[in-house]
C-alpha atoms as a PDB file:
ATOM      1  CA  UNK A   1     -47.478  67.804  -8.604  1.00  0.00           C
ATOM      2  CA  UNK A   2     -45.199  65.502  -6.553  1.00  0.00           C
ATOM      3  CA  UNK A   3     -44.146  62.197  -8.091  1.00  0.00           C
ATOM      4  CA  UNK A   4     -46.275  59.193  -7.229  1.00  0.00           C
ATOM      5  CA  UNK A   5     -45.076  57.403  -4.141  1.00  0.00           C
ATOM      6  CA  UNK A   6     -43.506  54.134  -5.160  1.00  0.00           C
ATOM      7  CA  UNK A   7     -40.801  51.846  -3.988  1.00  0.00           C
ATOM      8  CA  UNK A   8     -37.400  52.707  -5.452  1.00  0.00           C
ATOM      9  CA  UNK A   9     -35.310  50.017  -7.081  1.00  0.00           C
ATOM     10  CA  UNK A  10     -31.877  49.253  -5.697  1.00  0.00           C
ATOM     11  CA  UNK A  11     -30.148  51.303  -8.377  1.00  0.00           C
ATOM     12  CA  UNK A  12     -32.512  54.231  -7.791  1.00  0.00           C
ATOM     13  CA  UNK A  13     -31.792  54.130  -4.047  1.00  0.00           C
ATOM     14  CA  UNK A  14     -28.052  54.095  -4.768  1.00  0.00           C
ATOM     15  CA  UNK A  15     -28.398  56.994  -7.205  1.00  0.00           C
ATOM     16  CA  UNK A  16     -30.500  59.010  -4.734  1.00  0.00           C
ATOM     17  CA  UNK A  17     -27.928  58.370  -1.995  1.00  0.00           C
ATOM     18  CA  UNK A  18     -25.071  59.451  -4.296  1.00  0.00           C
ATOM     19  CA  UNK A  19     -26.926  62.654  -5.176  1.00  0.00           C
ATOM     20  CA  UNK A  20     -27.616  63.468  -1.526  1.00  0.00           C
ATOM     21  CA  UNK A  21     -23.987  62.806  -0.610  1.00  0.00           C
ATOM     22  CA  UNK A  22     -22.688  64.973  -3.478  1.00  0.00           C
ATOM     23  CA  UNK A  23     -24.994  67.816  -2.444  1.00  0.00           C
ATOM     24  CA  UNK A  24     -23.833  67.512   1.167  1.00  0.00           C
ATOM     25  CA  UNK A  25     -20.152  67.460   0.154  1.00  0.00           C
ATOM     26  CA  UNK A  26     -20.578  70.556  -1.979  1.00  0.00           C
ATOM     27  CA  UNK A  27     -22.696  72.557   0.457  1.00  0.00           C
ATOM     28  CA  UNK A  28     -25.867  72.114  -1.638  1.00  0.00           C
ATOM     29  CA  UNK A  29     -24.143  73.685  -4.657  1.00  0.00           C
ATOM     30  CA  UNK A  30     -25.969  71.881  -7.439  1.00  0.00           C
ATOM     31  CA  UNK A  31     -23.515  72.836 -10.193  1.00  0.00           C
ATOM     32  CA  UNK A  32     -20.553  71.386  -8.285  1.00  0.00           C
ATOM     33  CA  UNK A  33     -22.556  68.335  -7.176  1.00  0.00           C
ATOM     34  CA  UNK A  34     -23.549  67.602 -10.782  1.00  0.00           C
ATOM     35  CA  UNK A  35     -19.947  67.998 -11.946  1.00  0.00           C
ATOM     36  CA  UNK A  36     -18.707  65.625  -9.237  1.00  0.00           C
ATOM     37  CA  UNK A  37     -21.314  63.061 -10.313  1.00  0.00           C
ATOM     38  CA  UNK A  38     -20.351  63.425 -13.972  1.00  0.00           C
ATOM     39  CA  UNK A  39     -23.813  64.587 -15.022  1.00  0.00           C
ATOM     40  CA  UNK A  40     -25.178  67.843 -16.370  1.00  0.00           C
ATOM     41  CA  UNK A  41     -26.938  70.368 -14.174  1.00  0.00           C
ATOM     42  CA  UNK A  42     -30.229  69.838 -16.018  1.00  0.00           C
ATOM     43  CA  UNK A  43     -29.957  66.086 -15.417  1.00  0.00           C
ATOM     44  CA  UNK A  44     -29.382  66.677 -11.717  1.00  0.00           C
ATOM     45  CA  UNK A  45     -32.453  68.915 -11.502  1.00  0.00           C
ATOM     46  CA  UNK A  46     -34.521  66.289 -13.355  1.00  0.00           C
ATOM     47  CA  UNK A  47     -33.376  63.573 -10.951  1.00  0.00           C
ATOM     48  CA  UNK A  48     -34.072  65.795  -7.935  1.00  0.00           C
ATOM     49  CA  UNK A  49     -37.640  66.254  -9.198  1.00  0.00           C
ATOM     50  CA  UNK A  50     -38.041  62.538  -9.930  1.00  0.00           C
ATOM     51  CA  UNK A  51     -36.958  61.628  -6.393  1.00  0.00           C
ATOM     52  CA  UNK A  52     -39.059  64.362  -4.808  1.00  0.00           C
ATOM     53  CA  UNK A  53     -35.980  66.235  -3.581  1.00  0.00           C
ATOM     54  CA  UNK A  54     -36.440  69.446  -5.570  1.00  0.00           C
ATOM     55  CA  UNK A  55     -37.700  71.428  -2.566  1.00  0.00           C
ATOM     56  CA  UNK A  56     -34.291  71.139  -0.888  1.00  0.00           C
END
């Protein structure tokens, strides 16, 4: 089930943007994107789900 549609806070928008940029920089390689963000792979996957980006 997709997350409820709600307005993101400023920090959530910044985090989402950073994740998207890291994925773009690393050719959608989630392991490398997570490493570049300083977070674990599982955390990245959890955030992708939370922001509704896990279908990418």
